Amino acid sequence: MSTITRRMSLMFSLSFLSLSLFACGGSQGGGAEKGPSAYEELSGLSAALQTKLNETMAPINESEAILKEFAELPKTLQLSPSDYKSFIISALQGEMKVPEGAAAEVAGKLTTFGLKFKAFKESIMAAPDRCTELVTQIATTLPKVPLLVTQIETTAKVTKNNPFASSADKAEAAKQSEGAKAMGEETTNKVSEIQKTAQELPGKAQGAVMKFLGALKNVGIDSLDSLTKTSTSMAKETVDGVKSDVKQVVETAKDSAKGAVDAAKDSAKGAADAVKDSAK
């Protein structure tokens, strides 16, 4: 093989290697885990945001119904205001203490509602922050759409110009490249619609939180801070109770140990006396 032929072969091999590394994301390192392609990311972008929007809206959408049930439950189950307040406090603290003497049916309905109400409290109190995070996420996602379109077209061009790429790969690259622009426009429109809905959510979430706190005040719970203080107080009582139990166990153990020692002494003395008697 002549020197010129060898040089041409080497140049062609290096060019192909560069193209292959670019197409496969070689700049990320050979050992890096391959993530979704630009085409896959763009095609699933609006659906992922819609799912996030639905999840974020859920506690806001259900707040009216659950607060209505919250207001009507003591009448339905014929509970006194004090019993209902005590139960709600315990439910929000995760304890579900039903009133003493409550019928099994009443206890069951209270516990079921208590679990649902506690989960609602956690989701609705977190809703304003989650809504704000979603608005920010959408704002940063929109500029990515044209970048993904360009990336799809560039990658497809590399594949189509790769002499070692299969016919199937080239056909798929051509298909993705031709549809990238239309997909980008459709994604932008869908994300823009999601953005319009999301921008209203922080205010709606704050309104739902205020209604929730107002419902608690109607049963005599002035703030969630009071529940925290009650929890702290109950925790202290629990710790004090554990300390008392431990002390009692230690004292019992001491008494048992002393009794065992005394019994051993008596047994040893009896054995010694028996030996003496036998010697006589």
C-alpha atoms as a PDB file:
ATOM      1  CA  MET A   1       0.000   0.000   0.000  1.00  0.00           C
ATOM      2  CA  SER A   2       1.457   3.392  -1.023  1.00  0.00           C
ATOM      3  CA  THR A   3       2.063   6.202   1.478  1.00  0.00           C
ATOM      4  CA  ILE A   4      -0.682   8.349  -0.077  1.00  0.00           C
ATOM      5  CA  THR A   5      -3.194   5.492   0.111  1.00  0.00           C
ATOM      6  CA  ARG A   6      -2.345   4.854   3.771  1.00  0.00           C
ATOM      7  CA  ARG A   7      -2.748   8.548   4.610  1.00  0.00           C
ATOM      8  CA  MET A   8      -6.137   8.732   2.842  1.00  0.00           C
ATOM      9  CA  SER A   9      -7.297   5.625   4.683  1.00  0.00           C
ATOM     10  CA  LEU A  10      -6.181   7.066   8.017  1.00  0.00           C
ATOM     11  CA  MET A  11      -7.931  10.418   7.337  1.00  0.00           C
ATOM     12  CA  PHE A  12     -11.148   8.628   6.369  1.00  0.00           C
ATOM     13  CA  SER A  13     -11.025   6.497   9.543  1.00  0.00           C
ATOM     14  CA  LEU A  14     -10.484   9.559  11.756  1.00  0.00           C
ATOM     15  CA  SER A  15     -13.372  11.398  10.061  1.00  0.00           C
ATOM     16  CA  PHE A  16     -15.687   8.460  10.597  1.00  0.00           C
ATOM     17  CA  LEU A  17     -14.608   8.153  14.222  1.00  0.00           C
ATOM     18  CA  SER A  18     -15.413  11.843  14.803  1.00  0.00           C
ATOM     19  CA  LEU A  19     -18.831  11.473  13.208  1.00  0.00           C
ATOM     20  CA  SER A  20     -19.562   8.355  15.250  1.00  0.00           C
ATOM     21  CA  LEU A  21     -18.576  10.028  18.517  1.00  0.00           C
ATOM     22  CA  PHE A  22     -20.737  13.054  17.724  1.00  0.00           C
ATOM     23  CA  ALA A  23     -23.750  10.934  16.801  1.00  0.00           C
ATOM     24  CA  CYS A  24     -23.416   8.770  19.899  1.00  0.00           C
ATOM     25  CA  GLY A  25     -22.756  11.616  22.302  1.00  0.00           C
ATOM     26  CA  GLY A  26     -19.067  10.795  22.608  1.00  0.00           C
ATOM     27  CA  SER A  27     -18.380  14.028  24.481  1.00  0.00           C
ATOM     28  CA  GLN A  28     -20.237  12.574  27.466  1.00  0.00           C
ATOM     29  CA  GLY A  29     -17.700   9.797  27.918  1.00  0.00           C
ATOM     30  CA  GLY A  30     -17.823   6.187  26.830  1.00  0.00           C
ATOM     31  CA  GLY A  31     -18.964   4.953  30.230  1.00  0.00           C
ATOM     32  CA  ALA A  32     -21.793   7.479  30.592  1.00  0.00           C
ATOM     33  CA  GLU A  33     -25.313   6.132  30.670  1.00  0.00           C
ATOM     34  CA  LYS A  34     -27.206   7.038  27.500  1.00  0.00           C
ATOM     35  CA  GLY A  35     -30.232   9.239  28.207  1.00  0.00           C
ATOM     36  CA  PRO A  36     -33.251   9.888  25.991  1.00  0.00           C
ATOM     37  CA  SER A  37     -32.551  11.252  22.533  1.00  0.00           C
ATOM     38  CA  ALA A  38     -33.573  14.776  21.573  1.00  0.00           C
ATOM     39  CA  TYR A  39     -36.440  13.295  19.546  1.00  0.00           C
ATOM     40  CA  GLU A  40     -37.690  11.235  22.508  1.00  0.00           C
ATOM     41  CA  GLU A  41     -37.408  14.215  24.849  1.00  0.00           C
ATOM     42  CA  LEU A  42     -39.312  16.534  22.518  1.00  0.00           C
ATOM     43  CA  SER A  43     -42.055  14.002  21.754  1.00  0.00           C
ATOM     44  CA  GLY A  44     -42.787  13.431  25.467  1.00  0.00           C
ATOM     45  CA  LEU A  45     -42.283  16.989  26.724  1.00  0.00           C
ATOM     46  CA  SER A  46     -45.844  18.346  26.623  1.00  0.00           C
ATOM     47  CA  ALA A  47     -47.353  15.114  27.990  1.00  0.00           C
ATOM     48  CA  ALA A  48     -44.976  15.181  30.973  1.00  0.00           C
ATOM     49  CA  LEU A  49     -45.890  18.794  31.757  1.00  0.00           C
ATOM     50  CA  GLN A  50     -49.608  18.019  31.456  1.00  0.00           C
ATOM     51  CA  THR A  51     -49.224  15.187  33.964  1.00  0.00           C
ATOM     52  CA  LYS A  52     -47.372  17.527  36.331  1.00  0.00           C
ATOM     53  CA  LEU A  53     -50.112  20.131  35.892  1.00  0.00           C
ATOM     54  CA  ASN A  54     -52.850  17.593  36.729  1.00  0.00           C
ATOM     55  CA  GLU A  55     -51.002  16.432  39.858  1.00  0.00           C
ATOM     56  CA  THR A  56     -50.427  20.007  41.020  1.00  0.00           C
ATOM     57  CA  MET A  57     -54.071  20.983  40.479  1.00  0.00           C
ATOM     58  CA  ALA A  58     -55.523  17.902  42.213  1.00  0.00           C
ATOM     59  CA  PRO A  59     -55.669  19.202  45.837  1.00  0.00           C
ATOM     60  CA  ILE A  60     -57.045  22.550  44.653  1.00  0.00           C
ATOM     61  CA  ASN A  61     -59.773  20.867  42.608  1.00  0.00           C
ATOM     62  CA  GLU A  62     -60.837  18.549  45.439  1.00  0.00           C
ATOM     63  CA  SER A  63     -60.709  21.172  48.216  1.00  0.00           C
ATOM     64  CA  GLU A  64     -64.324  22.316  47.923  1.00  0.00           C
ATOM     65  CA  ALA A  65     -65.746  18.790  48.167  1.00  0.00           C
ATOM     66  CA  ILE A  66     -63.562  17.689  51.086  1.00  0.00           C
ATOM     67  CA  LEU A  67     -64.183  20.888  53.073  1.00  0.00           C
ATOM     68  CA  LYS A  68     -67.915  20.416  52.558  1.00  0.00           C
ATOM     69  CA  GLU A  69     -67.639  16.874  53.916  1.00  0.00           C
ATOM     70  CA  PHE A  70     -65.524  18.207  56.798  1.00  0.00           C
ATOM     71  CA  ALA A  71     -68.277  20.678  57.767  1.00  0.00           C
ATOM     72  CA  GLU A  72     -71.123  18.166  57.474  1.00  0.00           C
ATOM     73  CA  LEU A  73     -69.516  15.125  59.126  1.00  0.00           C
ATOM     74  CA  PRO A  74     -70.193  16.002  62.803  1.00  0.00           C
ATOM     75  CA  LYS A  75     -73.891  16.483  62.004  1.00  0.00           C
ATOM     76  CA  THR A  76     -74.043  13.268  59.990  1.00  0.00           C
ATOM     77  CA  LEU A  77     -72.367  11.239  62.761  1.00  0.00           C
ATOM     78  CA  GLN A  78     -74.038  13.213  65.592  1.00  0.00           C
ATOM     79  CA  LEU A  79     -70.768  14.200  67.273  1.00  0.00           C
ATOM     80  CA  SER A  80     -70.412  16.962  69.842  1.00  0.00           C
ATOM     81  CA  PRO A  81     -68.203  19.933  68.823  1.00  0.00           C
ATOM     82  CA  SER A  82     -65.588  19.014  71.441  1.00  0.00           C
ATOM     83  CA  ASP A  83     -65.419  15.357  70.360  1.00  0.00           C
ATOM     84  CA  TYR A  84     -65.138  16.342  66.709  1.00  0.00           C
ATOM     85  CA  LYS A  85     -62.430  18.911  67.414  1.00  0.00           C
ATOM     86  CA  SER A  86     -60.433  16.388  69.437  1.00  0.00           C
ATOM     87  CA  PHE A  87     -60.710  13.821  66.674  1.00  0.00           C
ATOM     88  CA  ILE A  88     -59.638  16.258  63.950  1.00  0.00           C
ATOM     89  CA  ILE A  89     -56.612  17.300  66.002  1.00  0.00           C
ATOM     90  CA  SER A  90     -55.629  13.663  66.489  1.00  0.00           C
ATOM     91  CA  ALA A  91     -56.220  12.926  62.793  1.00  0.00           C
ATOM     92  CA  LEU A  92     -53.971  15.773  61.652  1.00  0.00           C
ATOM     93  CA  GLN A  93     -51.332  14.426  64.034  1.00  0.00           C
ATOM     94  CA  GLY A  94     -51.718  10.950  62.520  1.00  0.00           C
ATOM     95  CA  GLU A  95     -53.259   9.270  65.572  1.00  0.00           C
ATOM     96  CA  MET A  96     -56.990   8.860  64.658  1.00  0.00           C
ATOM     97  CA  LYS A  97     -58.352   8.848  68.221  1.00  0.00           C
ATOM     98  CA  VAL A  98     -62.101   8.324  67.915  1.00  0.00           C
ATOM     99  CA  PRO A  99     -64.355   9.431  70.818  1.00  0.00           C
ATOM    100  CA  GLU A 100     -64.755   6.912  73.611  1.00  0.00           C
ATOM    101  CA  GLY A 101     -67.856   4.778  73.268  1.00  0.00           C
ATOM    102  CA  ALA A 102     -68.265   5.541  69.559  1.00  0.00           C
ATOM    103  CA  ALA A 103     -70.103   2.851  67.595  1.00  0.00           C
ATOM    104  CA  ALA A 104     -68.034   0.730  65.224  1.00  0.00           C
ATOM    105  CA  GLU A 105     -69.688   2.298  62.183  1.00  0.00           C
ATOM    106  CA  VAL A 106     -68.995   5.826  63.443  1.00  0.00           C
ATOM    107  CA  ALA A 107     -65.401   4.928  64.307  1.00  0.00           C
ATOM    108  CA  GLY A 108     -64.889   3.466  60.841  1.00  0.00           C
ATOM    109  CA  LYS A 109     -66.254   6.523  59.042  1.00  0.00           C
ATOM    110  CA  LEU A 110     -64.240   8.874  61.214  1.00  0.00           C
ATOM    111  CA  THR A 111     -61.007   6.978  60.631  1.00  0.00           C
ATOM    112  CA  THR A 112     -61.567   6.829  56.868  1.00  0.00           C
ATOM    113  CA  PHE A 113     -62.237  10.555  56.709  1.00  0.00           C
ATOM    114  CA  GLY A 114     -59.360  11.330  59.083  1.00  0.00           C
ATOM    115  CA  LEU A 115     -56.846   9.598  56.827  1.00  0.00           C
ATOM    116  CA  LYS A 116     -58.182  11.444  53.796  1.00  0.00           C
ATOM    117  CA  PHE A 117     -58.239  14.795  55.622  1.00  0.00           C
ATOM    118  CA  LYS A 118     -54.654  14.441  56.848  1.00  0.00           C
ATOM    119  CA  ALA A 119     -53.438  13.659  53.308  1.00  0.00           C
ATOM    120  CA  PHE A 120     -55.424  16.643  52.007  1.00  0.00           C
ATOM    121  CA  LYS A 121     -53.895  18.936  54.627  1.00  0.00           C
ATOM    122  CA  GLU A 122     -50.373  17.966  53.588  1.00  0.00           C
ATOM    123  CA  SER A 123     -51.060  18.380  49.868  1.00  0.00           C
ATOM    124  CA  ILE A 124     -52.981  21.665  50.110  1.00  0.00           C
ATOM    125  CA  MET A 125     -50.392  23.295  52.367  1.00  0.00           C
ATOM    126  CA  ALA A 126     -47.678  22.357  49.852  1.00  0.00           C
ATOM    127  CA  ALA A 127     -49.755  23.460  46.844  1.00  0.00           C
ATOM    128  CA  PRO A 128     -48.660  27.149  46.619  1.00  0.00           C
ATOM    129  CA  ASP A 129     -44.973  26.210  46.428  1.00  0.00           C
ATOM    130  CA  ARG A 130     -45.633  23.398  43.956  1.00  0.00           C
ATOM    131  CA  CYS A 131     -47.649  25.723  41.740  1.00  0.00           C
ATOM    132  CA  THR A 132     -44.859  28.294  41.711  1.00  0.00           C
ATOM    133  CA  GLU A 133     -42.310  25.581  40.888  1.00  0.00           C
ATOM    134  CA  LEU A 134     -44.470  24.429  37.951  1.00  0.00           C
ATOM    135  CA  VAL A 135     -44.750  27.951  36.536  1.00  0.00           C
ATOM    136  CA  THR A 136     -40.959  28.284  36.703  1.00  0.00           C
ATOM    137  CA  GLN A 137     -40.434  24.862  35.112  1.00  0.00           C
ATOM    138  CA  ILE A 138     -42.689  25.733  32.171  1.00  0.00           C
ATOM    139  CA  ALA A 139     -40.932  29.078  31.640  1.00  0.00           C
ATOM    140  CA  THR A 140     -37.567  27.324  31.395  1.00  0.00           C
ATOM    141  CA  THR A 141     -38.955  24.520  29.195  1.00  0.00           C
ATOM    142  CA  LEU A 142     -40.340  26.660  26.340  1.00  0.00           C
ATOM    143  CA  PRO A 143     -36.911  27.917  25.140  1.00  0.00           C
ATOM    144  CA  LYS A 144     -35.680  24.310  24.991  1.00  0.00           C
ATOM    145  CA  VAL A 145     -38.126  23.379  22.218  1.00  0.00           C
ATOM    146  CA  PRO A 146     -36.306  25.049  19.281  1.00  0.00           C
ATOM    147  CA  LEU A 147     -32.979  23.795  20.626  1.00  0.00           C
ATOM    148  CA  LEU A 148     -34.270  20.219  20.623  1.00  0.00           C
ATOM    149  CA  VAL A 149     -35.564  20.659  17.062  1.00  0.00           C
ATOM    150  CA  THR A 150     -32.105  21.832  15.923  1.00  0.00           C
ATOM    151  CA  GLN A 151     -30.453  18.939  17.740  1.00  0.00           C
ATOM    152  CA  ILE A 152     -32.767  16.425  16.047  1.00  0.00           C
ATOM    153  CA  GLU A 153     -32.006  17.869  12.604  1.00  0.00           C
ATOM    154  CA  THR A 154     -28.247  17.938  13.245  1.00  0.00           C
ATOM    155  CA  THR A 155     -28.120  14.351  14.511  1.00  0.00           C
ATOM    156  CA  ALA A 156     -30.223  13.182  11.563  1.00  0.00           C
ATOM    157  CA  LYS A 157     -27.861  14.896   9.120  1.00  0.00           C
ATOM    158  CA  VAL A 158     -24.861  13.125  10.657  1.00  0.00           C
ATOM    159  CA  THR A 159     -26.617   9.757  10.387  1.00  0.00           C
ATOM    160  CA  LYS A 160     -27.666  10.337   6.761  1.00  0.00           C
ATOM    161  CA  ASN A 161     -24.071  11.259   5.814  1.00  0.00           C
ATOM    162  CA  ASN A 162     -22.554   8.302   7.652  1.00  0.00           C
ATOM    163  CA  PRO A 163     -21.507   5.742   5.000  1.00  0.00           C
ATOM    164  CA  PHE A 164     -21.618   2.946   7.547  1.00  0.00           C
ATOM    165  CA  ALA A 165     -25.148   3.676   8.843  1.00  0.00           C
ATOM    166  CA  SER A 166     -27.806   1.152   7.876  1.00  0.00           C
ATOM    167  CA  SER A 167     -30.619   1.960   5.473  1.00  0.00           C
ATOM    168  CA  ALA A 168     -33.111   1.626   8.335  1.00  0.00           C
ATOM    169  CA  ASP A 169     -31.175   4.109  10.504  1.00  0.00           C
ATOM    170  CA  LYS A 170     -30.963   6.591   7.632  1.00  0.00           C
ATOM    171  CA  ALA A 171     -34.676   6.266   6.915  1.00  0.00           C
ATOM    172  CA  GLU A 172     -35.539   6.815  10.593  1.00  0.00           C
ATOM    173  CA  ALA A 173     -33.205   9.825  10.738  1.00  0.00           C
ATOM    174  CA  ALA A 174     -34.854  11.333   7.659  1.00  0.00           C
ATOM    175  CA  LYS A 175     -38.306  10.764   9.151  1.00  0.00           C
ATOM    176  CA  GLN A 176     -37.367  12.417  12.443  1.00  0.00           C
ATOM    177  CA  SER A 177     -35.704  15.349  10.677  1.00  0.00           C
ATOM    178  CA  GLU A 178     -38.724  16.001   8.462  1.00  0.00           C
ATOM    179  CA  GLY A 179     -41.148  15.879  11.408  1.00  0.00           C
ATOM    180  CA  ALA A 180     -39.022  17.789  13.917  1.00  0.00           C
ATOM    181  CA  LYS A 181     -40.181  21.283  12.962  1.00  0.00           C
ATOM    182  CA  ALA A 182     -43.887  20.364  13.031  1.00  0.00           C
ATOM    183  CA  MET A 183     -43.463  18.552  16.348  1.00  0.00           C
ATOM    184  CA  GLY A 184     -41.682  21.583  17.762  1.00  0.00           C
ATOM    185  CA  GLU A 185     -44.529  23.904  16.766  1.00  0.00           C
ATOM    186  CA  GLU A 186     -47.153  21.543  18.181  1.00  0.00           C
ATOM    187  CA  THR A 187     -45.194  21.171  21.444  1.00  0.00           C
ATOM    188  CA  THR A 188     -44.803  24.936  21.789  1.00  0.00           C
ATOM    189  CA  ASN A 189     -48.567  25.429  21.359  1.00  0.00           C
ATOM    190  CA  LYS A 190     -49.425  22.748  23.918  1.00  0.00           C
ATOM    191  CA  VAL A 191     -46.898  24.002  26.478  1.00  0.00           C
ATOM    192  CA  SER A 192     -48.180  27.577  26.000  1.00  0.00           C
ATOM    193  CA  GLU A 193     -51.717  26.398  26.832  1.00  0.00           C
ATOM    194  CA  ILE A 194     -50.430  24.574  29.899  1.00  0.00           C
ATOM    195  CA  GLN A 195     -48.592  27.734  30.909  1.00  0.00           C
ATOM    196  CA  LYS A 196     -51.797  29.813  30.788  1.00  0.00           C
ATOM    197  CA  THR A 197     -53.511  27.399  33.188  1.00  0.00           C
ATOM    198  CA  ALA A 198     -50.475  27.084  35.451  1.00  0.00           C
ATOM    199  CA  GLN A 199     -50.062  30.847  35.875  1.00  0.00           C
ATOM    200  CA  GLU A 200     -53.442  31.014  37.642  1.00  0.00           C
ATOM    201  CA  LEU A 201     -52.627  28.212  40.066  1.00  0.00           C
ATOM    202  CA  PRO A 202     -50.521  29.998  42.720  1.00  0.00           C
ATOM    203  CA  GLY A 203     -53.411  32.383  43.483  1.00  0.00           C
ATOM    204  CA  LYS A 204     -55.963  29.544  43.487  1.00  0.00           C
ATOM    205  CA  ALA A 205     -53.744  27.466  45.752  1.00  0.00           C
ATOM    206  CA  GLN A 206     -53.400  30.310  48.242  1.00  0.00           C
ATOM    207  CA  GLY A 207     -57.177  30.763  48.237  1.00  0.00           C
ATOM    208  CA  ALA A 208     -57.703  27.055  48.908  1.00  0.00           C
ATOM    209  CA  VAL A 209     -55.240  27.212  51.821  1.00  0.00           C
ATOM    210  CA  MET A 210     -57.143  30.125  53.366  1.00  0.00           C
ATOM    211  CA  LYS A 211     -60.438  28.212  53.061  1.00  0.00           C
ATOM    212  CA  PHE A 212     -58.836  25.181  54.710  1.00  0.00           C
ATOM    213  CA  LEU A 213     -57.551  27.249  57.640  1.00  0.00           C
ATOM    214  CA  GLY A 214     -60.964  28.933  57.908  1.00  0.00           C
ATOM    215  CA  ALA A 215     -62.665  25.524  58.131  1.00  0.00           C
ATOM    216  CA  LEU A 216     -60.330  24.563  60.977  1.00  0.00           C
ATOM    217  CA  LYS A 217     -61.196  27.774  62.832  1.00  0.00           C
ATOM    218  CA  ASN A 218     -64.879  26.906  62.531  1.00  0.00           C
ATOM    219  CA  VAL A 219     -64.292  23.845  64.735  1.00  0.00           C
ATOM    220  CA  GLY A 220     -62.075  25.714  67.191  1.00  0.00           C
ATOM    221  CA  ILE A 221     -58.607  25.067  65.766  1.00  0.00           C
ATOM    222  CA  ASP A 222     -57.065  28.516  65.435  1.00  0.00           C
ATOM    223  CA  SER A 223     -53.876  27.525  63.619  1.00  0.00           C
ATOM    224  CA  LEU A 224     -51.726  24.600  62.604  1.00  0.00           C
ATOM    225  CA  ASP A 225     -49.065  25.870  65.030  1.00  0.00           C
ATOM    226  CA  SER A 226     -51.297  24.843  67.923  1.00  0.00           C
ATOM    227  CA  LEU A 227     -51.291  21.302  66.574  1.00  0.00           C
ATOM    228  CA  THR A 228     -47.503  21.301  66.535  1.00  0.00           C
ATOM    229  CA  LYS A 229     -47.403  22.473  70.152  1.00  0.00           C
ATOM    230  CA  THR A 230     -49.893  19.786  71.103  1.00  0.00           C
ATOM    231  CA  SER A 231     -47.755  17.207  69.351  1.00  0.00           C
ATOM    232  CA  THR A 232     -44.684  18.413  71.248  1.00  0.00           C
ATOM    233  CA  SER A 233     -46.550  18.210  74.525  1.00  0.00           C
ATOM    234  CA  MET A 234     -47.770  14.709  73.731  1.00  0.00           C
ATOM    235  CA  ALA A 235     -44.253  13.689  72.731  1.00  0.00           C
ATOM    236  CA  LYS A 236     -42.938  14.935  76.092  1.00  0.00           C
ATOM    237  CA  GLU A 237     -45.590  12.907  77.903  1.00  0.00           C
ATOM    238  CA  THR A 238     -44.567   9.853  75.910  1.00  0.00           C
ATOM    239  CA  VAL A 239     -40.889  10.363  76.750  1.00  0.00           C
ATOM    240  CA  ASP A 240     -41.721  10.843  80.431  1.00  0.00           C
ATOM    241  CA  GLY A 241     -43.782   7.649  80.336  1.00  0.00           C
ATOM    242  CA  VAL A 242     -40.931   5.720  78.747  1.00  0.00           C
ATOM    243  CA  LYS A 243     -38.505   7.034  81.365  1.00  0.00           C
ATOM    244  CA  SER A 244     -40.885   5.910  84.119  1.00  0.00           C
ATOM    245  CA  ASP A 245     -41.218   2.455  82.556  1.00  0.00           C
ATOM    246  CA  VAL A 246     -37.438   2.119  82.229  1.00  0.00           C
ATOM    247  CA  LYS A 247     -36.958   3.155  85.851  1.00  0.00           C
ATOM    248  CA  GLN A 248     -39.514   0.582  86.975  1.00  0.00           C
ATOM    249  CA  VAL A 249     -37.823  -2.134  84.901  1.00  0.00           C
ATOM    250  CA  VAL A 250     -34.422  -1.279  86.403  1.00  0.00           C
ATOM    251  CA  GLU A 251     -35.802  -1.348  89.942  1.00  0.00           C
ATOM    252  CA  THR A 252     -37.543  -4.659  89.272  1.00  0.00           C
ATOM    253  CA  ALA A 253     -34.320  -6.064  87.894  1.00  0.00           C
ATOM    254  CA  LYS A 254     -32.448  -4.896  90.976  1.00  0.00           C
ATOM    255  CA  ASP A 255     -35.038  -6.518  93.260  1.00  0.00           C
ATOM    256  CA  SER A 256     -34.872  -9.729  91.242  1.00  0.00           C
ATOM    257  CA  ALA A 257     -31.084  -9.750  91.362  1.00  0.00           C
ATOM    258  CA  LYS A 258     -31.067  -9.134  95.142  1.00  0.00           C
ATOM    259  CA  GLY A 259     -33.591 -11.923  95.621  1.00  0.00           C
ATOM    260  CA  ALA A 260     -31.485 -14.274  93.519  1.00  0.00           C
ATOM    261  CA  VAL A 261     -28.372 -13.467  95.549  1.00  0.00           C
ATOM    262  CA  ASP A 262     -30.228 -14.007  98.844  1.00  0.00           C
ATOM    263  CA  ALA A 263     -31.626 -17.296  97.572  1.00  0.00           C
ATOM    264  CA  ALA A 264     -28.167 -18.413  96.517  1.00  0.00           C
ATOM    265  CA  LYS A 265     -26.773 -17.549  99.938  1.00  0.00           C
ATOM    266  CA  ASP A 266     -29.546 -19.513 101.671  1.00  0.00           C
ATOM    267  CA  SER A 267     -28.961 -22.453  99.362  1.00  0.00           C
ATOM    268  CA  ALA A 268     -25.219 -22.423  99.994  1.00  0.00           C
ATOM    269  CA  LYS A 269     -25.749 -22.203 103.767  1.00  0.00           C
ATOM    270  CA  GLY A 270     -28.184 -25.098 103.648  1.00  0.00           C
ATOM    271  CA  ALA A 271     -25.703 -27.185 101.694  1.00  0.00           C
ATOM    272  CA  ALA A 272     -22.909 -26.390 104.174  1.00  0.00           C
ATOM    273  CA  ASP A 273     -25.114 -27.346 107.127  1.00  0.00           C
ATOM    274  CA  ALA A 274     -26.013 -30.592 105.404  1.00  0.00           C
ATOM    275  CA  VAL A 275     -22.332 -31.411 104.901  1.00  0.00           C
ATOM    276  CA  LYS A 276     -21.607 -30.716 108.576  1.00  0.00           C
ATOM    277  CA  ASP A 277     -24.466 -32.969 109.674  1.00  0.00           C
ATOM    278  CA  SER A 278     -23.226 -35.757 107.433  1.00  0.00           C
ATOM    279  CA  ALA A 279     -19.706 -35.446 108.892  1.00  0.00           C
ATOM    280  CA  LYS A 280     -21.065 -35.859 112.366  1.00  0.00           C
END
